[in-house]
Amino acid sequence: MIRIWLWPVVIALLSILGLVAGLVSEGLGDWLSWAALVVPVVIGCHGLARGRAAKQSPNAAMARPANRG
């Protein structure tokens, strides 16, 4: 069960950290805010790009073995 929720919880905590740092701090906190809030955006763009690449490739489902672990 923890394997399912580990990364969504990490992403949520990074987002909360970034939002709070952006609201209450100056200088280094602004940089921390940008760094923490860029991570979910990069992960989302990466997933979107992988999904589009899989749709465009007709043999993508057969090329990658299913991860059943």
C-alpha atoms as a PDB file:
ATOM      1  CA  MET A   1       0.000   0.000   0.000  1.00  0.00           C
ATOM      2  CA  ILE A   2       2.815   2.444   0.800  1.00  0.00           C
ATOM      3  CA  ARG A   3       4.360   1.882  -2.642  1.00  0.00           C
ATOM      4  CA  ILE A   4       1.201   3.242  -4.247  1.00  0.00           C
ATOM      5  CA  TRP A   5       1.059   6.429  -2.174  1.00  0.00           C
ATOM      6  CA  LEU A   6       4.759   7.233  -1.660  1.00  0.00           C
ATOM      7  CA  TRP A   7       5.394   9.406  -4.722  1.00  0.00           C
ATOM      8  CA  PRO A   8       2.057  11.251  -4.728  1.00  0.00           C
ATOM      9  CA  VAL A   9       2.650  12.154  -1.072  1.00  0.00           C
ATOM     10  CA  VAL A  10       6.210  13.318  -1.830  1.00  0.00           C
ATOM     11  CA  ILE A  11       4.940  15.487  -4.697  1.00  0.00           C
ATOM     12  CA  ALA A  12       2.178  16.923  -2.491  1.00  0.00           C
ATOM     13  CA  LEU A  13       4.655  17.762   0.288  1.00  0.00           C
ATOM     14  CA  LEU A  14       6.992  19.450  -2.204  1.00  0.00           C
ATOM     15  CA  SER A  15       4.073  21.486  -3.530  1.00  0.00           C
ATOM     16  CA  ILE A  16       3.015  22.549  -0.041  1.00  0.00           C
ATOM     17  CA  LEU A  17       6.620  23.436   0.852  1.00  0.00           C
ATOM     18  CA  GLY A  18       6.937  25.523  -2.303  1.00  0.00           C
ATOM     19  CA  LEU A  19       3.665  27.361  -1.744  1.00  0.00           C
ATOM     20  CA  VAL A  20       4.431  28.155   1.888  1.00  0.00           C
ATOM     21  CA  ALA A  21       8.004  29.228   1.085  1.00  0.00           C
ATOM     22  CA  GLY A  22       6.709  31.512  -1.651  1.00  0.00           C
ATOM     23  CA  LEU A  23       4.204  33.136   0.676  1.00  0.00           C
ATOM     24  CA  VAL A  24       6.272  33.704   3.790  1.00  0.00           C
ATOM     25  CA  SER A  25       9.903  34.148   2.763  1.00  0.00           C
ATOM     26  CA  GLU A  26      12.184  36.367   0.718  1.00  0.00           C
ATOM     27  CA  GLY A  27      15.461  35.795  -1.082  1.00  0.00           C
ATOM     28  CA  LEU A  28      16.500  32.170  -0.639  1.00  0.00           C
ATOM     29  CA  GLY A  29      12.903  31.209   0.121  1.00  0.00           C
ATOM     30  CA  ASP A  30      11.859  32.445  -3.322  1.00  0.00           C
ATOM     31  CA  TRP A  31      14.429  30.148  -4.916  1.00  0.00           C
ATOM     32  CA  LEU A  32      13.249  27.267  -2.745  1.00  0.00           C
ATOM     33  CA  SER A  33       9.687  28.005  -3.802  1.00  0.00           C
ATOM     34  CA  TRP A  34      10.547  27.932  -7.502  1.00  0.00           C
ATOM     35  CA  ALA A  35      12.564  24.731  -7.143  1.00  0.00           C
ATOM     36  CA  ALA A  36       9.845  22.955  -5.169  1.00  0.00           C
ATOM     37  CA  LEU A  37       7.048  24.026  -7.514  1.00  0.00           C
ATOM     38  CA  VAL A  38       8.928  23.140 -10.689  1.00  0.00           C
ATOM     39  CA  VAL A  39       9.162  19.447  -9.729  1.00  0.00           C
ATOM     40  CA  PRO A  40       5.432  18.619 -10.145  1.00  0.00           C
ATOM     41  CA  VAL A  41       5.343  20.530 -13.443  1.00  0.00           C
ATOM     42  CA  VAL A  42       8.336  18.605 -14.807  1.00  0.00           C
ATOM     43  CA  ILE A  43       6.851  15.287 -13.696  1.00  0.00           C
ATOM     44  CA  GLY A  44       3.540  16.158 -15.356  1.00  0.00           C
ATOM     45  CA  CYS A  45       5.195  17.219 -18.623  1.00  0.00           C
ATOM     46  CA  HIS A  46       7.281  14.050 -18.628  1.00  0.00           C
ATOM     47  CA  GLY A  47       4.190  11.891 -18.167  1.00  0.00           C
ATOM     48  CA  LEU A  48       2.334  13.805 -20.865  1.00  0.00           C
ATOM     49  CA  ALA A  49       5.213  13.363 -23.316  1.00  0.00           C
ATOM     50  CA  ARG A  50       5.431   9.634 -22.570  1.00  0.00           C
ATOM     51  CA  GLY A  51       1.693   9.245 -23.075  1.00  0.00           C
ATOM     52  CA  ARG A  52       1.779  11.024 -26.420  1.00  0.00           C
ATOM     53  CA  ALA A  53       4.794   9.005 -27.557  1.00  0.00           C
ATOM     54  CA  ALA A  54       3.022   5.774 -26.636  1.00  0.00           C
ATOM     55  CA  LYS A  55      -0.078   6.816 -28.612  1.00  0.00           C
ATOM     56  CA  GLN A  56       1.950   7.657 -31.704  1.00  0.00           C
ATOM     57  CA  SER A  57       3.891   4.397 -31.718  1.00  0.00           C
ATOM     58  CA  PRO A  58       1.599   1.523 -32.752  1.00  0.00           C
ATOM     59  CA  ASN A  59       3.978  -1.123 -31.385  1.00  0.00           C
ATOM     60  CA  ALA A  60       4.661   0.644 -28.098  1.00  0.00           C
ATOM     61  CA  ALA A  61       2.494  -1.750 -26.083  1.00  0.00           C
ATOM     62  CA  MET A  62       4.316  -4.756 -27.480  1.00  0.00           C
ATOM     63  CA  ALA A  63       7.778  -3.198 -27.266  1.00  0.00           C
ATOM     64  CA  ARG A  64       7.660  -2.602 -23.497  1.00  0.00           C
ATOM     65  CA  PRO A  65       7.119  -5.539 -21.175  1.00  0.00           C
ATOM     66  CA  ALA A  66       4.368  -5.095 -18.626  1.00  0.00           C
ATOM     67  CA  ASN A  67       5.612  -4.234 -15.158  1.00  0.00           C
ATOM     68  CA  ARG A  68       3.643  -6.502 -12.861  1.00  0.00           C
ATOM     69  CA  GLY A  69       5.878  -6.262  -9.826  1.00  0.00           C
END
